Amino acid sequence: MANTISNMKMTNPIKGLVSKRRKRFTEDGFDLDLTYIRDNLIAMGFPAEKLEGVYRNHIDDVVKFLESKHKDHYKIYNLCSERSYDCKKFKQRVATYAFADHNPPKLELIRPFCEDVHAWLSQDRKNVAAVHCKAGKGRTGVMVCCYLLHIRQFATAPDALNFYGIKRTTDKKGVTIPSQRRYVGYYATLVQESLNYQPITLILRKILLDPVPIFNGGQGYLHFVIWESEKRIFSSETIEVRKGMPSISISIDHNVPLTGDIRVDFFNKKPKMKRKEKMFHFWFNTFFVRDYLPPDYGDNGELPGERSTRALSCDGTAMELPMVTSHSKARTSSLASLGPKPPTLVLAIDKWGLDDAHKDKHHKLYSADFKVSLLMHRQWEVTGSGITQTVPTMVPRADVQIGMSGQETPSESSEADSSECETTGDEDGWESGEFSLSLVAKRQSITHSISRTTHHQQPQQQEQHNSTSPMGMTGDNDKNQQSADDSNASNLFTRSVTLTDT
């Protein structure tokens, strides 16, 4: 014991630097990155071994602490997906509820964790639960806060998060990643409204960025990827953002169903370039998308006639989306009364709710009022048919067709400042979704119909297809055929990506 305490004293300065502003347990000869959130609930750093144990909690020290303070009455909850340890050291009392660092957990993971912890603590009043991830702050905070909501110590997510921040850190900053905080709010909703979570499928129709991010030279290139849990389900082509655009509106040409936990990543990436700069990302769950546009607003989120007015205007006013909340309505209620097709649901996330963008405190890349809005709709049942439908699926095209009017040539653009963005590695094989792109400007309109590859293509085929897809001018016959196709589809939704440039 003396040697152990001596070793801990020798490494205290290093461990103190690594733990940063997390509170440490420094009693009875122990110095551990460990905090009692409640008398029977501990948040701590990873119990490491070998060299890592020099600057983190050494697993032997954690074992000695638990054996001396809570012998035969402790259980470990490991949230790390990237590492593990010998559970025998903790007498096999280890439960794993793993998820990735800097990310929220799958929603289905939260309730089982809370029930497990509660069952263990209810067995004996002496029992304690020790929860850890790597640093013992972010992921640990998410699950601990959810447990505090589960036992109704707190009624709201902000109260639980504030309490955890005070208990775990010296600067009251416990869970700081926006998506992680969002998922604590989700679980608060489940508890408050006594809801049973079931994955809901929504169809993504449009993404709005308002106002345009601040690129070097006033112009840049957007690329975004959508993930459903760990599966990549959509990857866009490069979208040029031209100088002077007040906002960006991206309509998804191909039906993209989203179910459950969804992650959207945005990058600044030039065409045909592998290197890309991370801008921001965010997680959300489709079950909690409740707000919808009023019936007067069209499928593209604009009032009738507003699009042409905006295209000709020069005031640069960004479109505001009025939302009608439905928090008081039962989630299982029918939407049939709202019309033959479901309403447009809106998920609006401001700058402070976007992972990475929230770090831009001085508004160098995103203005203070920057936000991202996703326009979606639910699947619905056609009256009298008993058949659940989504928007009609258009047949994927194998080529790229570009129609252009006007003589103006797009100017050369530059990348965003790499010092403000995270640089990621080369992109691996991915599945692209077909969408089309329209740049509506004062004297010029450019429409891109971007090719879509199927989910079954190999990565090499996808890369080759993207680099060799033919381009050609769209003739009148093609336009007439496309018009007929749109008519047959009942013109349910606008299928274009509109970047509004006034």
Protein backbone atom coordinates (compact mmCIF):
# COMPACT_ATOMS: atom_id res chain seq x y z
CA MET A 1 0.00 0.00 0.00
CA ALA A 2 2.83 2.37 0.88
CA ASN A 3 4.46 1.83 -2.51
CA THR A 4 1.16 2.40 -4.28
CA ILE A 5 0.53 5.67 -2.44
CA SER A 6 4.10 6.75 -3.15
CA ASN A 7 3.66 6.00 -6.84
CA MET A 8 0.40 7.94 -6.90
CA LYS A 9 2.13 10.97 -5.33
CA MET A 10 4.90 10.82 -7.94
CA THR A 11 2.44 10.88 -10.80
CA ASN A 12 -0.02 13.36 -9.27
CA PRO A 13 1.14 16.36 -11.37
CA ILE A 14 0.76 14.38 -14.60
CA LYS A 15 -2.64 12.99 -13.65
CA GLY A 16 -3.77 16.44 -12.58
CA LEU A 17 -2.91 17.85 -16.00
CA VAL A 18 -4.72 15.03 -17.80
CA SER A 19 -7.86 15.33 -15.69
CA LYS A 20 -7.97 19.08 -16.43
CA ARG A 21 -11.03 20.53 -14.67
CA ARG A 22 -12.56 17.28 -13.56
CA LYS A 23 -12.79 16.94 -9.80
CA ARG A 24 -10.59 14.33 -8.17
CA PHE A 25 -11.01 12.17 -5.08
CA THR A 26 -8.10 13.03 -2.79
CA GLU A 27 -8.89 11.42 0.55
CA ASP A 28 -7.39 8.59 2.60
CA GLY A 29 -4.23 8.48 0.50
CA PHE A 30 -6.06 8.18 -2.83
CA ASP A 31 -5.78 10.61 -5.72
CA LEU A 32 -8.15 9.46 -8.45
CA ASP A 33 -10.06 11.08 -11.29
CA LEU A 34 -13.29 10.11 -9.57
CA THR A 35 -16.32 11.95 -8.19
CA TYR A 36 -19.39 10.98 -6.19
CA ILE A 37 -22.40 12.35 -8.10
CA ARG A 38 -24.63 10.77 -5.45
CA ASP A 39 -23.71 8.74 -2.40
CA ASN A 40 -24.22 5.59 -4.46
CA LEU A 41 -23.28 6.87 -7.94
CA ILE A 42 -19.69 7.46 -9.04
CA ALA A 43 -18.34 9.07 -12.22
CA MET A 44 -14.71 8.27 -12.95
CA GLY A 45 -12.03 8.07 -15.61
CA PHE A 46 -10.99 4.88 -17.38
CA PRO A 47 -9.22 2.31 -15.14
CA ALA A 48 -6.08 1.97 -17.23
CA GLU A 49 -3.10 -0.36 -17.14
CA LYS A 50 0.61 -0.23 -17.95
CA LEU A 51 1.89 3.11 -19.28
CA GLU A 52 -1.57 4.66 -19.59
CA GLY A 53 -2.05 4.02 -15.88
CA VAL A 54 0.70 6.57 -15.21
CA TYR A 55 -1.48 9.48 -16.32
CA ARG A 56 -4.97 8.02 -15.88
CA ASN A 57 -6.58 6.10 -13.04
CA HIS A 58 -4.50 2.95 -12.66
CA ILE A 59 -6.79 -0.05 -12.55
CA ASP A 60 -5.05 -1.41 -9.45
CA ASP A 61 -5.66 1.86 -7.61
CA VAL A 62 -9.33 1.82 -8.61
CA VAL A 63 -9.70 -1.76 -7.40
CA LYS A 64 -8.10 -0.87 -4.05
CA PHE A 65 -10.34 2.16 -3.69
CA LEU A 66 -13.54 0.22 -4.36
CA GLU A 67 -12.47 -2.72 -2.22
CA SER A 68 -11.66 -0.44 0.70
CA LYS A 69 -14.72 1.80 0.39
CA HIS A 70 -17.42 -0.48 -1.03
CA LYS A 71 -16.22 -4.07 -0.69
CA ASP A 72 -18.62 -6.53 -2.37
CA HIS A 73 -21.07 -3.72 -3.07
CA TYR A 74 -19.79 -2.08 -6.25
CA LYS A 75 -20.52 -2.60 -9.93
CA ILE A 76 -18.67 -1.03 -12.86
CA TYR A 77 -20.41 0.37 -15.95
CA ASN A 78 -18.06 0.67 -18.92
CA LEU A 79 -19.22 3.03 -21.70
CA CYS A 80 -16.09 2.73 -23.88
CA SER A 81 -16.45 1.16 -27.31
CA GLU A 82 -12.75 1.61 -28.08
CA ARG A 83 -11.22 -0.32 -25.17
CA SER A 84 -11.76 -2.70 -22.29
CA TYR A 85 -9.84 -4.38 -19.46
CA ASP A 86 -9.70 -7.54 -17.37
CA CYS A 87 -13.10 -7.73 -15.69
CA LYS A 88 -11.76 -10.33 -13.26
CA LYS A 89 -10.07 -7.54 -11.35
CA PHE A 90 -13.52 -6.23 -10.48
CA LYS A 91 -14.80 -9.74 -9.68
CA GLN A 92 -16.74 -9.82 -12.97
CA ARG A 93 -19.10 -7.10 -11.77
CA VAL A 94 -18.77 -5.12 -15.00
CA ALA A 95 -21.58 -4.19 -17.40
CA THR A 96 -20.79 -2.67 -20.79
CA TYR A 97 -23.03 -0.11 -22.52
CA ALA A 98 -20.58 1.07 -25.14
CA PHE A 99 -20.79 3.93 -27.62
CA ALA A 100 -18.25 6.05 -29.49
CA ASP A 101 -16.34 8.91 -27.92
CA HIS A 102 -17.71 12.44 -28.58
CA ASN A 103 -21.03 10.96 -29.71
CA PRO A 104 -24.40 10.29 -28.07
CA PRO A 105 -25.50 6.71 -27.39
CA LYS A 106 -28.09 4.92 -29.44
CA LEU A 107 -31.40 5.85 -27.92
CA GLU A 108 -32.23 2.18 -27.34
CA LEU A 109 -29.18 1.94 -25.07
CA ILE A 110 -30.26 4.50 -22.49
CA ARG A 111 -33.27 2.90 -20.81
CA PRO A 112 -31.63 -0.55 -20.35
CA PHE A 113 -28.64 1.19 -18.76
CA CYS A 114 -30.86 3.15 -16.38
CA GLU A 115 -32.86 0.07 -15.46
CA ASP A 116 -29.68 -1.93 -14.88
CA VAL A 117 -28.20 0.71 -12.58
CA HIS A 118 -31.47 1.14 -10.71
CA ALA A 119 -31.89 -2.61 -10.23
CA TRP A 120 -28.36 -2.90 -8.84
CA LEU A 121 -28.71 0.04 -6.46
CA SER A 122 -32.12 -1.19 -5.30
CA GLN A 123 -30.76 -4.59 -4.27
CA ASP A 124 -28.90 -3.22 -1.29
CA ARG A 125 -28.66 0.27 0.15
CA LYS A 126 -24.87 -0.23 0.37
CA ASN A 127 -24.50 -0.84 -3.36
CA VAL A 128 -22.76 1.74 -5.53
CA ALA A 129 -22.49 2.08 -9.31
CA ALA A 130 -19.24 3.39 -10.82
CA VAL A 131 -19.72 4.71 -14.37
CA HIS A 132 -16.81 5.51 -16.66
CA CYS A 133 -15.87 6.22 -20.26
CA LYS A 134 -12.34 7.34 -21.21
CA ALA A 135 -12.16 10.70 -19.45
CA GLY A 136 -15.21 10.09 -17.32
CA LYS A 137 -16.96 13.30 -18.33
CA GLY A 138 -18.91 13.46 -21.61
CA ARG A 139 -20.27 9.98 -22.24
CA THR A 140 -20.37 9.32 -18.52
CA GLY A 141 -22.29 12.54 -18.01
CA VAL A 142 -24.89 11.62 -20.62
CA MET A 143 -25.73 8.32 -18.97
CA VAL A 144 -25.52 9.64 -15.41
CA CYS A 145 -27.85 12.53 -16.26
CA CYS A 146 -30.28 10.14 -17.92
CA TYR A 147 -30.27 8.02 -14.77
CA LEU A 148 -31.00 11.10 -12.64
CA LEU A 149 -33.98 11.75 -14.90
CA HIS A 150 -34.96 8.08 -14.78
CA ILE A 151 -35.26 8.11 -10.98
CA ARG A 152 -36.91 11.54 -11.23
CA GLN A 153 -34.34 13.33 -9.13
CA PHE A 154 -34.73 16.02 -11.79
CA ALA A 155 -37.65 16.76 -14.09
CA THR A 156 -35.75 18.49 -16.89
CA ALA A 157 -32.57 17.85 -18.83
CA PRO A 158 -31.01 21.27 -18.06
CA ASP A 159 -31.42 20.70 -14.34
CA ALA A 160 -29.78 17.27 -14.52
CA LEU A 161 -26.96 18.56 -16.73
CA ASN A 162 -26.29 21.55 -14.48
CA PHE A 163 -26.20 19.33 -11.40
CA TYR A 164 -23.75 16.94 -13.04
CA GLY A 165 -21.55 19.81 -14.21
CA ILE A 166 -21.31 21.17 -10.67
CA LYS A 167 -20.58 17.78 -9.16
CA ARG A 168 -18.06 16.51 -11.73
CA THR A 169 -16.08 19.61 -12.75
CA THR A 170 -14.61 22.76 -11.27
CA ASP A 171 -15.93 24.97 -14.09
CA LYS A 172 -19.48 23.54 -14.15
CA LYS A 173 -18.95 22.25 -17.69
CA GLY A 174 -19.83 18.59 -17.62
CA VAL A 175 -21.55 17.53 -20.85
CA THR A 176 -20.63 20.15 -23.45
CA ILE A 177 -21.13 18.43 -26.83
CA PRO A 178 -24.48 19.60 -28.26
CA SER A 179 -25.61 16.23 -29.64
CA GLN A 180 -24.91 14.54 -26.32
CA ARG A 181 -26.94 17.18 -24.49
CA ARG A 182 -29.72 16.74 -27.06
CA TYR A 183 -30.00 13.04 -26.24
CA VAL A 184 -30.29 13.80 -22.53
CA GLY A 185 -33.21 16.01 -23.52
CA TYR A 186 -34.69 13.16 -25.54
CA TYR A 187 -34.64 10.85 -22.55
CA ALA A 188 -36.18 13.56 -20.39
CA THR A 189 -39.07 13.69 -22.87
CA LEU A 190 -39.53 9.92 -22.72
CA VAL A 191 -39.66 10.01 -18.93
CA GLN A 192 -41.83 13.11 -18.61
CA GLU A 193 -44.40 11.94 -21.15
CA SER A 194 -44.21 8.24 -20.25
CA LEU A 195 -43.43 7.32 -23.85
CA ASN A 196 -42.22 4.00 -25.18
CA TYR A 197 -39.59 4.64 -27.82
CA GLN A 198 -40.13 3.10 -31.25
CA PRO A 199 -38.05 4.00 -34.31
CA ILE A 200 -39.97 6.20 -36.75
CA THR A 201 -39.12 6.55 -40.43
CA LEU A 202 -39.09 10.02 -41.96
CA ILE A 203 -38.37 10.96 -45.57
CA LEU A 204 -35.78 13.70 -45.96
CA ARG A 205 -36.76 16.30 -48.56
CA LYS A 206 -34.66 19.37 -47.98
CA ILE A 207 -31.82 20.82 -45.94
CA LEU A 208 -31.57 24.57 -45.35
CA LEU A 209 -28.49 26.47 -44.16
CA ASP A 210 -29.25 30.03 -43.15
CA PRO A 211 -27.29 32.23 -43.48
CA VAL A 212 -24.44 30.90 -45.60
CA PRO A 213 -21.29 29.89 -43.67
CA ILE A 214 -18.39 32.32 -43.93
CA PHE A 215 -15.96 30.93 -46.52
CA ASN A 216 -12.60 32.39 -47.53
CA GLY A 217 -13.27 34.71 -50.44
CA GLY A 218 -17.00 34.45 -49.82
CA GLN A 219 -17.41 31.18 -51.70
CA GLY A 220 -16.83 27.50 -51.09
CA TYR A 221 -17.99 23.94 -51.72
CA LEU A 222 -20.32 21.91 -49.55
CA HIS A 223 -20.40 18.15 -49.23
CA PHE A 224 -22.53 16.29 -46.72
CA VAL A 225 -22.89 12.70 -45.58
CA ILE A 226 -25.80 11.12 -43.72
CA TRP A 227 -25.38 8.17 -41.39
CA GLU A 228 -28.02 5.94 -39.85
CA SER A 229 -26.28 4.69 -36.72
CA GLU A 230 -22.96 3.42 -38.15
CA LYS A 231 -24.22 2.92 -41.71
CA ARG A 232 -23.59 5.54 -44.38
CA ILE A 233 -26.88 5.94 -46.26
CA PHE A 234 -26.33 9.09 -48.34
CA SER A 235 -23.39 11.09 -49.65
CA SER A 236 -23.87 14.21 -51.72
CA GLU A 237 -21.95 15.45 -54.68
CA THR A 238 -20.07 18.73 -54.24
CA ILE A 239 -22.33 21.76 -54.04
CA GLU A 240 -20.85 25.10 -55.08
CA VAL A 241 -21.67 28.01 -52.80
CA ARG A 242 -21.24 31.27 -54.67
CA LYS A 243 -20.42 34.66 -53.29
CA GLY A 244 -23.44 36.71 -52.28
CA MET A 245 -25.83 33.87 -51.54
CA PRO A 246 -27.85 34.72 -48.43
CA SER A 247 -28.90 31.14 -47.72
CA ILE A 248 -28.58 27.60 -49.06
CA SER A 249 -31.48 25.27 -49.81
CA ILE A 250 -30.65 21.67 -50.74
CA SER A 251 -33.55 19.53 -51.94
CA ILE A 252 -33.00 15.79 -52.04
CA ASP A 253 -33.99 14.37 -55.42
CA HIS A 254 -33.93 10.76 -54.29
CA ASN A 255 -36.12 9.60 -51.41
CA VAL A 256 -33.88 9.19 -48.38
CA PRO A 257 -35.64 7.38 -45.53
CA LEU A 258 -34.25 8.18 -42.10
CA THR A 259 -34.98 5.94 -39.13
CA GLY A 260 -33.89 6.34 -35.54
CA ASP A 261 -30.46 7.78 -34.74
CA ILE A 262 -29.19 9.96 -37.58
CA ARG A 263 -25.88 11.77 -37.99
CA VAL A 264 -25.31 14.47 -40.63
CA ASP A 265 -21.73 15.57 -41.43
CA PHE A 266 -20.94 18.72 -43.41
CA PHE A 267 -17.60 19.31 -45.14
CA ASN A 268 -15.94 21.95 -47.27
CA LYS A 269 -14.67 19.97 -50.25
CA LYS A 270 -13.70 20.99 -53.76
CA PRO A 271 -14.95 18.88 -56.69
CA LYS A 272 -12.81 15.84 -57.54
CA MET A 273 -10.61 16.50 -54.52
CA LYS A 274 -10.15 13.80 -51.89
CA ARG A 275 -9.10 16.21 -49.18
CA LYS A 276 -11.98 17.73 -47.27
CA GLU A 277 -12.33 19.97 -44.26
CA LYS A 278 -14.78 19.11 -41.53
CA MET A 279 -17.25 21.91 -40.86
CA PHE A 280 -19.75 20.53 -38.37
CA HIS A 281 -22.04 17.59 -37.68
CA PHE A 282 -25.04 16.78 -35.55
CA TRP A 283 -27.05 13.81 -34.31
CA PHE A 284 -30.80 13.62 -33.94
CA ASN A 285 -33.46 10.93 -33.56
CA THR A 286 -36.47 10.86 -35.87
CA PHE A 287 -38.84 9.92 -33.04
CA PHE A 288 -38.51 13.42 -31.60
CA VAL A 289 -39.10 15.48 -34.76
CA ARG A 290 -42.41 17.09 -33.86
CA ASP A 291 -42.60 20.55 -35.42
CA TYR A 292 -44.12 21.09 -38.84
CA LEU A 293 -44.65 23.88 -41.33
CA PRO A 294 -48.09 25.50 -41.57
CA PRO A 295 -50.27 24.16 -44.44
CA ASP A 296 -49.84 27.45 -46.37
CA TYR A 297 -46.17 26.69 -46.92
CA GLY A 298 -45.24 24.65 -49.96
CA ASP A 299 -43.16 21.50 -50.21
CA ASN A 300 -39.99 23.59 -50.42
CA GLY A 301 -40.71 25.50 -47.23
CA GLU A 302 -41.82 28.67 -49.00
CA LEU A 303 -45.13 30.42 -49.44
CA PRO A 304 -46.69 30.24 -52.93
CA GLY A 305 -44.89 32.72 -55.17
CA GLU A 306 -42.17 33.39 -52.62
CA ARG A 307 -39.43 31.58 -54.50
CA SER A 308 -39.62 33.78 -57.60
CA THR A 309 -39.82 36.88 -55.45
CA ARG A 310 -36.73 35.87 -53.51
CA ALA A 311 -34.85 35.04 -56.69
CA LEU A 312 -35.40 38.55 -58.01
CA SER A 313 -34.97 40.43 -54.75
CA CYS A 314 -31.69 42.00 -53.70
CA ASP A 315 -32.27 42.56 -50.00
CA GLY A 316 -30.59 39.29 -48.97
CA THR A 317 -33.23 38.58 -46.36
CA ALA A 318 -33.03 34.98 -45.18
CA MET A 319 -36.18 32.88 -45.19
CA GLU A 320 -37.70 32.21 -41.79
CA LEU A 321 -39.63 29.00 -41.29
CA PRO A 322 -42.60 29.45 -38.95
CA MET A 323 -43.15 26.21 -37.06
CA VAL A 324 -46.27 24.79 -35.48
CA THR A 325 -45.37 22.69 -32.47
CA SER A 326 -47.26 19.52 -31.72
CA HIS A 327 -45.93 18.74 -28.26
CA SER A 328 -49.41 18.53 -26.81
CA LYS A 329 -50.60 15.98 -29.36
CA ALA A 330 -50.32 12.25 -28.86
CA ARG A 331 -47.50 10.82 -30.95
CA THR A 332 -49.69 8.01 -32.21
CA SER A 333 -52.48 10.28 -33.41
CA SER A 334 -53.47 10.13 -37.08
CA LEU A 335 -52.26 12.81 -39.46
CA ALA A 336 -54.98 12.10 -41.98
CA SER A 337 -56.95 15.17 -40.92
CA LEU A 338 -54.13 17.37 -42.14
CA GLY A 339 -54.63 16.37 -45.78
CA PRO A 340 -54.00 13.57 -48.30
CA LYS A 341 -50.27 13.76 -47.67
CA PRO A 342 -48.41 14.27 -44.40
CA PRO A 343 -47.31 17.75 -43.34
CA THR A 344 -43.76 18.97 -43.69
CA LEU A 345 -41.91 18.29 -40.46
CA VAL A 346 -39.07 20.63 -39.52
CA LEU A 347 -36.01 20.03 -37.38
CA ALA A 348 -34.24 23.36 -36.83
CA ILE A 349 -30.89 23.39 -35.01
CA ASP A 350 -29.09 26.63 -34.28
CA LYS A 351 -25.34 27.15 -34.24
CA TRP A 352 -25.03 26.26 -30.57
CA GLY A 353 -26.68 22.91 -31.20
CA LEU A 354 -24.21 21.87 -33.92
CA ASP A 355 -21.17 19.85 -32.89
CA ASP A 356 -17.93 21.70 -33.75
CA ALA A 357 -19.80 24.81 -34.97
CA HIS A 358 -20.65 25.58 -31.34
CA LYS A 359 -16.94 26.17 -30.70
CA ASP A 360 -16.96 29.19 -33.03
CA LYS A 361 -17.42 31.68 -30.19
CA HIS A 362 -16.24 34.67 -32.21
CA HIS A 363 -18.37 33.93 -35.29
CA LYS A 364 -15.45 33.56 -37.69
CA LEU A 365 -17.12 30.75 -39.67
CA TYR A 366 -20.78 30.98 -38.71
CA SER A 367 -22.84 34.02 -37.79
CA ALA A 368 -24.52 34.09 -34.40
CA ASP A 369 -27.91 33.33 -35.99
CA PHE A 370 -26.67 30.46 -38.18
CA LYS A 371 -28.94 27.43 -38.21
CA VAL A 372 -29.58 24.23 -40.12
CA SER A 373 -33.13 23.08 -40.86
CA LEU A 374 -34.17 19.66 -42.13
CA LEU A 375 -37.52 19.35 -43.90
CA MET A 376 -39.01 15.88 -43.74
CA HIS A 377 -42.32 14.06 -43.91
CA ARG A 378 -43.66 10.84 -42.51
CA GLN A 379 -44.83 7.81 -44.39
CA TRP A 380 -48.58 7.84 -44.84
CA GLU A 381 -51.42 5.56 -45.83
CA VAL A 382 -53.37 6.28 -49.00
CA THR A 383 -57.05 6.62 -48.15
CA GLY A 384 -58.91 3.33 -48.57
CA SER A 385 -55.92 1.41 -49.88
CA GLY A 386 -54.38 0.15 -46.67
CA ILE A 387 -50.99 0.68 -48.31
CA THR A 388 -48.29 2.73 -46.63
CA GLN A 389 -46.51 4.97 -49.13
CA THR A 390 -43.76 7.52 -49.27
CA VAL A 391 -43.05 9.92 -52.11
CA PRO A 392 -42.78 8.06 -55.44
CA THR A 393 -39.28 6.81 -56.10
CA MET A 394 -37.80 8.19 -59.30
CA VAL A 395 -35.79 5.78 -61.44
CA PRO A 396 -32.07 6.49 -60.87
CA ARG A 397 -30.34 7.94 -63.89
CA ALA A 398 -26.97 6.64 -64.98
CA ASP A 399 -25.68 9.92 -66.38
CA VAL A 400 -25.27 13.54 -65.42
CA GLN A 401 -27.29 16.12 -67.31
CA ILE A 402 -26.66 19.82 -67.04
CA GLY A 403 -28.86 22.57 -68.41
CA MET A 404 -27.52 26.13 -68.39
CA SER A 405 -28.88 29.51 -69.36
CA GLY A 406 -27.01 32.79 -69.40
CA GLN A 407 -23.37 33.55 -70.20
CA GLU A 408 -22.00 34.23 -66.74
CA THR A 409 -19.14 31.95 -65.73
CA PRO A 410 -18.73 30.91 -62.10
CA SER A 411 -15.68 32.56 -60.59
CA GLU A 412 -12.83 30.61 -59.06
CA SER A 413 -13.41 29.85 -55.39
CA SER A 414 -11.18 29.07 -52.45
CA GLU A 415 -11.36 26.74 -49.49
CA ALA A 416 -12.34 27.73 -45.98
CA ASP A 417 -9.54 28.49 -43.56
CA SER A 418 -8.16 25.09 -42.61
CA SER A 419 -7.03 26.39 -39.25
CA GLU A 420 -10.66 26.78 -38.24
CA CYS A 421 -11.76 23.35 -39.45
CA GLU A 422 -10.86 19.76 -38.74
CA THR A 423 -9.17 18.01 -41.65
CA THR A 424 -10.28 14.46 -42.24
CA GLY A 425 -8.71 11.65 -44.19
CA ASP A 426 -9.61 10.29 -47.58
CA GLU A 427 -13.15 9.12 -47.98
CA ASP A 428 -13.70 5.40 -48.26
CA GLY A 429 -16.31 3.64 -50.36
CA TRP A 430 -19.73 5.22 -49.92
CA GLU A 431 -23.19 5.13 -51.33
CA SER A 432 -24.38 8.20 -53.12
CA GLY A 433 -27.96 9.38 -53.33
CA GLU A 434 -29.25 11.06 -56.45
CA PHE A 435 -30.19 14.66 -56.08
CA SER A 436 -30.41 17.68 -58.36
CA LEU A 437 -29.02 21.14 -57.90
CA SER A 438 -30.41 24.51 -59.02
CA LEU A 439 -28.60 27.79 -58.60
CA VAL A 440 -31.22 30.51 -58.79
CA ALA A 441 -29.55 33.85 -59.46
CA LYS A 442 -30.65 37.20 -60.80
CA ARG A 443 -29.58 36.56 -64.38
CA GLN A 444 -28.57 32.91 -64.36
CA SER A 445 -30.09 29.55 -63.51
CA ILE A 446 -28.03 26.37 -63.47
CA THR A 447 -29.64 23.00 -62.90
CA HIS A 448 -27.59 19.93 -62.14
CA SER A 449 -29.16 16.49 -62.07
CA ILE A 450 -26.57 14.50 -60.22
CA SER A 451 -26.28 10.79 -60.84
CA ARG A 452 -27.09 8.31 -58.13
CA THR A 453 -25.47 4.94 -57.65
CA THR A 454 -27.24 2.08 -55.96
CA HIS A 455 -26.38 0.82 -52.48
CA HIS A 456 -25.01 -2.43 -53.94
CA GLN A 457 -22.14 -0.88 -55.95
CA GLN A 458 -18.57 -1.47 -54.83
CA PRO A 459 -16.44 1.49 -53.64
CA GLN A 460 -14.16 1.27 -56.72
CA GLN A 461 -17.14 1.31 -59.05
CA GLN A 462 -18.55 4.31 -57.22
CA GLU A 463 -15.28 6.23 -57.47
CA GLN A 464 -14.92 5.43 -61.16
CA HIS A 465 -18.52 6.42 -61.84
CA ASN A 466 -18.12 9.77 -60.09
CA SER A 467 -15.02 10.62 -62.12
CA THR A 468 -16.25 9.46 -65.54
CA SER A 469 -19.99 10.26 -65.55
CA PRO A 470 -20.79 11.95 -68.88
CA MET A 471 -22.21 15.44 -69.04
CA GLY A 472 -24.46 16.72 -71.78
CA MET A 473 -26.91 19.44 -72.58
CA THR A 474 -30.55 18.61 -71.85
CA GLY A 475 -32.66 18.62 -75.02
CA ASP A 476 -36.35 19.48 -75.40
CA ASN A 477 -37.40 15.83 -75.65
CA ASP A 478 -35.64 15.08 -72.39
CA LYS A 479 -37.33 18.03 -70.76
CA ASN A 480 -40.74 16.93 -72.00
CA GLN A 481 -40.14 13.41 -70.76
CA GLN A 482 -39.02 14.73 -67.39
CA SER A 483 -42.12 16.90 -67.21
CA ALA A 484 -44.30 13.87 -67.89
CA ASP A 485 -42.47 11.90 -65.21
CA ASP A 486 -43.05 14.69 -62.71
CA SER A 487 -46.72 14.80 -63.64
CA ASN A 488 -47.07 11.05 -63.13
CA ALA A 489 -45.49 11.47 -59.73
CA SER A 490 -48.34 13.87 -58.91
CA ASN A 491 -45.83 16.67 -58.28
CA LEU A 492 -45.86 15.68 -54.64
CA PHE A 493 -42.53 17.26 -53.84
CA THR A 494 -40.03 19.65 -55.38
CA ARG A 495 -37.01 17.64 -56.51
CA SER A 496 -34.23 20.18 -56.82
CA VAL A 497 -31.38 21.54 -54.80
CA THR A 498 -31.80 25.30 -54.72
CA LEU A 499 -28.98 27.58 -53.71
CA THR A 500 -30.65 30.98 -53.61
CA ASP A 501 -28.40 33.78 -54.82
CA THR A 502 -29.74 37.28 -54.80
